[in-house]
PDB file of N, CA and C in Angstrom:
ATOM      1  N   MET A   1      94.798  64.419 135.798  1.00  0.00           N
ATOM      2  CA  MET A   1      95.184  64.668 134.313  1.00  0.00           C
ATOM      3  C   MET A   1      96.346  65.307 134.231  1.00  0.00           C
ATOM      4  N   LEU A   2      96.769  66.082 135.066  1.00  0.00           N
ATOM      5  CA  LEU A   2      98.157  66.796 135.105  1.00  0.00           C
ATOM      6  C   LEU A   2      99.232  65.862 135.196  1.00  0.00           C
ATOM      7  N   ASP A   3      98.872  64.750 135.830  1.00  0.00           N
ATOM      8  CA  ASP A   3      99.838  63.836 136.143  1.00  0.00           C
ATOM      9  C   ASP A   3     100.282  63.138 134.817  1.00  0.00           C
ATOM     10  N   LEU A   4      99.278  62.891 133.885  1.00  0.00           N
ATOM     11  CA  LEU A   4      99.440  62.392 132.495  1.00  0.00           C
ATOM     12  C   LEU A   4     100.075  63.235 131.620  1.00  0.00           C
ATOM     13  N   ILE A   5      99.783  64.369 131.625  1.00  0.00           N
ATOM     14  CA  ILE A   5     100.557  65.313 130.742  1.00  0.00           C
ATOM     15  C   ILE A   5     101.914  65.888 131.092  1.00  0.00           C
ATOM     16  N   LEU A   6     102.084  66.280 132.326  1.00  0.00           N
ATOM     17  CA  LEU A   6     103.369  66.645 132.908  1.00  0.00           C
ATOM     18  C   LEU A   6     104.610  65.753 132.416  1.00  0.00           C
ATOM     19  N   PRO A   7     104.636  64.257 132.658  1.00  0.00           N
ATOM     20  CA  PRO A   7     105.573  63.485 132.087  1.00  0.00           C
ATOM     21  C   PRO A   7     106.072  63.623 130.616  1.00  0.00           C
ATOM     22  N   LYS A   8     104.949  63.738 129.820  1.00  0.00           N
ATOM     23  CA  LYS A   8     105.105  63.728 128.568  1.00  0.00           C
ATOM     24  C   LYS A   8     105.913  64.922 128.058  1.00  0.00           C
ATOM     25  N   PHE A   9     105.546  66.073 128.718  1.00  0.00           N
ATOM     26  CA  PHE A   9     106.304  67.507 128.374  1.00  0.00           C
ATOM     27  C   PHE A   9     107.694  67.394 128.829  1.00  0.00           C
ATOM     28  N   ALA A  10     107.813  66.857 129.941  1.00  0.00           N
ATOM     29  CA  ALA A  10     109.307  66.664 130.726  1.00  0.00           C
ATOM     30  C   ALA A  10     110.049  65.623 129.589  1.00  0.00           C
ATOM     31  N   GLU A  11     109.586  64.575 129.138  1.00  0.00           N
ATOM     32  CA  GLU A  11     110.400  63.793 128.360  1.00  0.00           C
ATOM     33  C   GLU A  11     111.047  64.345 127.324  1.00  0.00           C
ATOM     34  N   HIS A  12     110.190  65.284 126.579  1.00  0.00           N
ATOM     35  CA  HIS A  12     110.664  65.920 125.492  1.00  0.00           C
ATOM     36  C   HIS A  12     111.198  67.361 125.537  1.00  0.00           C
ATOM     37  N   ALA A  13     111.362  67.684 126.903  1.00  0.00           N
ATOM     38  CA  ALA A  13     111.911  69.045 127.447  1.00  0.00           C
ATOM     39  C   ALA A  13     111.187  70.142 126.715  1.00  0.00           C
ATOM     40  N   ASP A  14     109.920  70.061 126.719  1.00  0.00           N
ATOM     41  CA  ASP A  14     108.907  71.140 126.375  1.00  0.00           C
ATOM     42  C   ASP A  14     108.456  71.876 127.587  1.00  0.00           C
ATOM     43  N   ILE A  15     109.172  71.959 128.461  1.00  0.00           N
ATOM     44  CA  ILE A  15     108.686  72.835 129.876  1.00  0.00           C
ATOM     45  C   ILE A  15     108.228  74.149 129.345  1.00  0.00           C
ATOM     46  N   GLY A  16     108.921  75.013 128.500  1.00  0.00           N
ATOM     47  CA  GLY A  16     108.541  76.155 128.063  1.00  0.00           C
ATOM     48  C   GLY A  16     107.189  76.227 127.517  1.00  0.00           C
ATOM     49  N   HIS A  17     106.864  75.403 126.696  1.00  0.00           N
ATOM     50  CA  HIS A  17     105.541  75.158 126.187  1.00  0.00           C
ATOM     51  C   HIS A  17     104.406  74.652 127.242  1.00  0.00           C
ATOM     52  N   LEU A  18     104.930  73.900 128.232  1.00  0.00           N
ATOM     53  CA  LEU A  18     104.021  73.629 129.356  1.00  0.00           C
ATOM     54  C   LEU A  18     103.643  75.040 129.946  1.00  0.00           C
ATOM     55  N   ALA A  19     104.676  75.852 130.445  1.00  0.00           N
ATOM     56  CA  ALA A  19     104.269  77.075 130.949  1.00  0.00           C
ATOM     57  C   ALA A  19     103.559  77.930 130.194  1.00  0.00           C
ATOM     58  N   LEU A  20     103.794  78.109 128.856  1.00  0.00           N
ATOM     59  CA  LEU A  20     102.981  78.801 127.919  1.00  0.00           C
ATOM     60  C   LEU A  20     101.500  78.352 128.111  1.00  0.00           C
ATOM     61  N   ILE A  21     101.071  76.865 128.154  1.00  0.00           N
ATOM     62  CA  ILE A  21      99.997  76.560 128.029  1.00  0.00           C
ATOM     63  C   ILE A  21      99.269  77.076 129.554  1.00  0.00           C
ATOM     64  N   ILE A  22     100.061  76.956 130.464  1.00  0.00           N
ATOM     65  CA  ILE A  22      99.385  77.181 131.904  1.00  0.00           C
ATOM     66  C   ILE A  22      99.064  78.695 132.055  1.00  0.00           C
ATOM     67  N   VAL A  23     100.105  79.568 131.452  1.00  0.00           N
ATOM     68  CA  VAL A  23      99.620  80.879 131.397  1.00  0.00           C
ATOM     69  C   VAL A  23      98.519  81.142 130.591  1.00  0.00           C
ATOM     70  N   VAL A  24      98.366  80.872 129.327  1.00  0.00           N
ATOM     71  CA  VAL A  24      97.308  81.106 128.467  1.00  0.00           C
ATOM     72  C   VAL A  24      96.038  80.589 129.017  1.00  0.00           C
ATOM     73  N   GLY A  25      96.019  79.375 129.651  1.00  0.00           N
ATOM     74  CA  GLY A  25      94.859  78.899 130.405  1.00  0.00           C
ATOM     75  C   GLY A  25      94.464  79.806 131.562  1.00  0.00           C
ATOM     76  N   GLY A  26      95.503  80.282 132.248  1.00  0.00           N
ATOM     77  CA  GLY A  26      94.936  81.122 133.346  1.00  0.00           C
ATOM     78  C   GLY A  26      94.444  82.452 132.801  1.00  0.00           C
ATOM     79  N   LEU A  27      94.961  82.921 131.717  1.00  0.00           N
ATOM     80  CA  LEU A  27      94.466  84.305 131.098  1.00  0.00           C
ATOM     81  C   LEU A  27      93.287  83.901 130.725  1.00  0.00           C
ATOM     82  N   SER A  28      92.859  82.765 130.037  1.00  0.00           N
ATOM     83  CA  SER A  28      91.583  82.583 129.281  1.00  0.00           C
ATOM     84  C   SER A  28      90.604  82.423 130.759  1.00  0.00           C
ATOM     85  N   ALA A  29      91.045  81.959 131.608  1.00  0.00           N
ATOM     86  CA  ALA A  29      89.850  81.932 132.846  1.00  0.00           C
ATOM     87  C   ALA A  29      89.597  83.380 133.305  1.00  0.00           C
ATOM     88  N   ALA A  30      90.817  84.133 133.346  1.00  0.00           N
ATOM     89  CA  ALA A  30      90.551  85.509 133.865  1.00  0.00           C
ATOM     90  C   ALA A  30      89.661  86.179 132.870  1.00  0.00           C
ATOM     91  N   TRP A  31      89.850  86.185 131.626  1.00  0.00           N
ATOM     92  CA  TRP A  31      88.994  86.924 130.651  1.00  0.00           C
ATOM     93  C   TRP A  31      87.518  86.551 130.880  1.00  0.00           C
ATOM     94  N   GLN A  32      87.506  84.927 131.028  1.00  0.00           N
ATOM     95  CA  GLN A  32      85.978  84.410 131.120  1.00  0.00           C
ATOM     96  C   GLN A  32      85.246  85.133 132.377  1.00  0.00           C
ATOM     97  N   MET A  33      86.083  85.039 133.604  1.00  0.00           N
ATOM     98  CA  MET A  33      85.406  85.662 134.780  1.00  0.00           C
ATOM     99  C   MET A  33      85.102  87.320 134.578  1.00  0.00           C
ATOM    100  N   THR A  34      86.113  87.992 134.017  1.00  0.00           N
ATOM    101  CA  THR A  34      85.742  89.421 133.596  1.00  0.00           C
ATOM    102  C   THR A  34      84.585  89.522 132.813  1.00  0.00           C
ATOM    103  N   PHE A  35      84.348  88.811 131.680  1.00  0.00           N
ATOM    104  CA  PHE A  35      83.155  88.805 130.813  1.00  0.00           C
ATOM    105  C   PHE A  35      81.726  88.569 131.549  1.00  0.00           C
ATOM    106  N   ARG A  36      82.052  87.615 132.537  1.00  0.00           N
ATOM    107  CA  ARG A  36      80.844  87.265 133.439  1.00  0.00           C
ATOM    108  C   ARG A  36      80.346  88.304 134.276  1.00  0.00           C
ATOM    109  N   GLU A  37      81.345  88.918 134.847  1.00  0.00           N
ATOM    110  CA  GLU A  37      81.214  89.947 135.851  1.00  0.00           C
ATOM    111  C   GLU A  37      80.691  91.205 134.842  1.00  0.00           C
ATOM    112  N   LEU A  38      81.133  91.539 133.765  1.00  0.00           N
ATOM    113  CA  LEU A  38      80.703  92.623 133.171  1.00  0.00           C
ATOM    114  C   LEU A  38      79.307  92.378 132.837  1.00  0.00           C
ATOM    115  N   ALA A  39      78.984  91.338 132.232  1.00  0.00           N
ATOM    116  CA  ALA A  39      77.510  90.776 131.931  1.00  0.00           C
ATOM    117  C   ALA A  39      76.755  90.984 133.028  1.00  0.00           C
ATOM    118  N   ALA A  40      77.081  90.797 134.241  1.00  0.00           N
ATOM    119  CA  ALA A  40      76.373  90.971 135.383  1.00  0.00           C
ATOM    120  C   ALA A  40      76.114  92.144 135.802  1.00  0.00           C
ATOM    121  N   ALA A  41      77.164  92.898 135.627  1.00  0.00           N
ATOM    122  CA  ALA A  41      77.000  94.525 135.728  1.00  0.00           C
ATOM    123  C   ALA A  41      76.038  95.131 134.816  1.00  0.00           C
ATOM    124  N   ASN A  42      76.310  94.456 133.656  1.00  0.00           N
ATOM    125  CA  ASN A  42      75.274  95.323 132.757  1.00  0.00           C
ATOM    126  C   ASN A  42      73.746  95.060 132.943  1.00  0.00           C
ATOM    127  N   ARG A  43      73.493  93.715 133.485  1.00  0.00           N
ATOM    128  CA  ARG A  43      72.124  93.463 133.803  1.00  0.00           C
ATOM    129  C   ARG A  43      71.712  94.184 134.975  1.00  0.00           C
ATOM    130  N   ARG A  44      72.548  94.565 135.990  1.00  0.00           N
ATOM    131  CA  ARG A  44      72.172  95.167 137.150  1.00  0.00           C
ATOM    132  C   ARG A  44      71.836  96.739 136.769  1.00  0.00           C
ATOM    133  N   PHE A  45      72.855  97.206 135.804  1.00  0.00           N
ATOM    134  CA  PHE A  45      72.567  98.671 135.248  1.00  0.00           C
ATOM    135  C   PHE A  45      71.251  98.865 134.554  1.00  0.00           C
ATOM    136  N   ASP A  46      70.801  97.680 133.756  1.00  0.00           N
ATOM    137  CA  ASP A  46      69.573  97.570 132.867  1.00  0.00           C
ATOM    138  C   ASP A  46      68.389  97.668 133.997  1.00  0.00           C
ATOM    139  N   THR A  47      68.400  96.976 135.040  1.00  0.00           N
ATOM    140  CA  THR A  47      67.448  96.823 135.993  1.00  0.00           C
ATOM    141  C   THR A  47      67.321  98.249 136.541  1.00  0.00           C
ATOM    142  N   PHE A  48      68.506  99.013 136.954  1.00  0.00           N
ATOM    143  CA  PHE A  48      68.250  99.984 137.679  1.00  0.00           C
ATOM    144  C   PHE A  48      67.694 101.253 136.507  1.00  0.00           C
ATOM    145  N   VAL A  49      68.013 101.369 135.436  1.00  0.00           N
ATOM    146  CA  VAL A  49      67.463 102.134 134.535  1.00  0.00           C
ATOM    147  C   VAL A  49      66.093 101.953 134.419  1.00  0.00           C
ATOM    148  N   ARG A  50      65.566 100.609 134.213  1.00  0.00           N
ATOM    149  CA  ARG A  50      64.140 100.514 134.238  1.00  0.00           C
ATOM    150  C   ARG A  50      63.382 100.910 135.214  1.00  0.00           C
ATOM    151  N   GLU A  51      63.853 100.707 136.459  1.00  0.00           N
ATOM    152  CA  GLU A  51      63.266 101.138 137.720  1.00  0.00           C
ATOM    153  C   GLU A  51      63.136 102.687 137.737  1.00  0.00           C
ATOM    154  N   LEU A  52      64.203 103.274 137.395  1.00  0.00           N
ATOM    155  CA  LEU A  52      64.225 104.751 137.272  1.00  0.00           C
ATOM    156  C   LEU A  52      63.145 105.288 136.320  1.00  0.00           C
ATOM    157  N   ALA A  53      63.049 104.544 135.071  1.00  0.00           N
ATOM    158  CA  ALA A  53      62.222 105.121 134.117  1.00  0.00           C
ATOM    159  C   ALA A  53      60.568 104.862 134.641  1.00  0.00           C
ATOM    160  N   ARG A  54      60.480 103.656 135.409  1.00  0.00           N
ATOM    161  CA  ARG A  54      59.199 103.545 136.150  1.00  0.00           C
ATOM    162  C   ARG A  54      58.869 104.650 137.230  1.00  0.00           C
ATOM    163  N   PHE A  55      59.866 104.827 137.801  1.00  0.00           N
ATOM    164  CA  PHE A  55      59.840 106.018 138.824  1.00  0.00           C
ATOM    165  C   PHE A  55      59.483 107.317 138.153  1.00  0.00           C
ATOM    166  N   ASN A  56      60.014 107.650 137.150  1.00  0.00           N
ATOM    167  CA  ASN A  56      59.660 109.044 136.271  1.00  0.00           C
ATOM    168  C   ASN A  56      58.375 108.802 135.651  1.00  0.00           C
ATOM    169  N   GLN A  57      57.857 107.917 135.160  1.00  0.00           N
ATOM    170  CA  GLN A  57      56.422 107.712 134.580  1.00  0.00           C
ATOM    171  C   GLN A  57      55.391 107.867 135.923  1.00  0.00           C
ATOM    172  N   ARG A  58      55.652 107.335 136.973  1.00  0.00           N
ATOM    173  CA  ARG A  58      54.879 107.682 138.095  1.00  0.00           C
ATOM    174  C   ARG A  58      54.685 109.084 138.516  1.00  0.00           C
ATOM    175  N   LEU A  59      56.014 109.741 138.534  1.00  0.00           N
ATOM    176  CA  LEU A  59      55.982 111.158 138.825  1.00  0.00           C
ATOM    177  C   LEU A  59      55.239 111.935 137.923  1.00  0.00           C
ATOM    178  N   GLU A  60      55.423 111.517 136.613  1.00  0.00           N
ATOM    179  CA  GLU A  60      54.620 112.326 135.617  1.00  0.00           C
ATOM    180  C   GLU A  60      53.105 112.131 135.555  1.00  0.00           C
ATOM    181  N   ARG A  61      52.706 111.034 136.057  1.00  0.00           N
ATOM    182  CA  ARG A  61      51.085 110.936 136.330  1.00  0.00           C
ATOM    183  C   ARG A  61      50.762 111.545 137.326  1.00  0.00           C
ATOM    184  N   ASP A  62      51.590 111.760 138.315  1.00  0.00           N
ATOM    185  CA  ASP A  62      51.047 112.461 139.501  1.00  0.00           C
ATOM    186  C   ASP A  62      51.245 113.865 139.375  1.00  0.00           C
ATOM    187  N   ASP A  63      51.814 114.384 138.331  1.00  0.00           N
ATOM    188  CA  ASP A  63      52.060 115.812 138.165  1.00  0.00           C
ATOM    189  C   ASP A  63      50.788 116.511 137.851  1.00  0.00           C
ATOM    190  N   PRO A  64      50.334 117.476 138.527  1.00  0.00           N
ATOM    191  CA  PRO A  64      48.885 118.160 137.745  1.00  0.00           C
ATOM    192  C   PRO A  64      49.282 119.047 136.548  1.00  0.00           C
TER     193      PRO A  64
END
């Protein structure tokens, strides 16, 4: 696909625009990966807090 796009940009001397599109695409991909990792970390933390709450409930039941 890049083989089709690159000559069109080169014909019109829009190399600056091509570079901008590449940079913006890379940044968008980086943001998407960052948010995906943040969501996964949030799920792991939520699981940890739930297990901690279950542990505390067991301790309270066993407490005389």
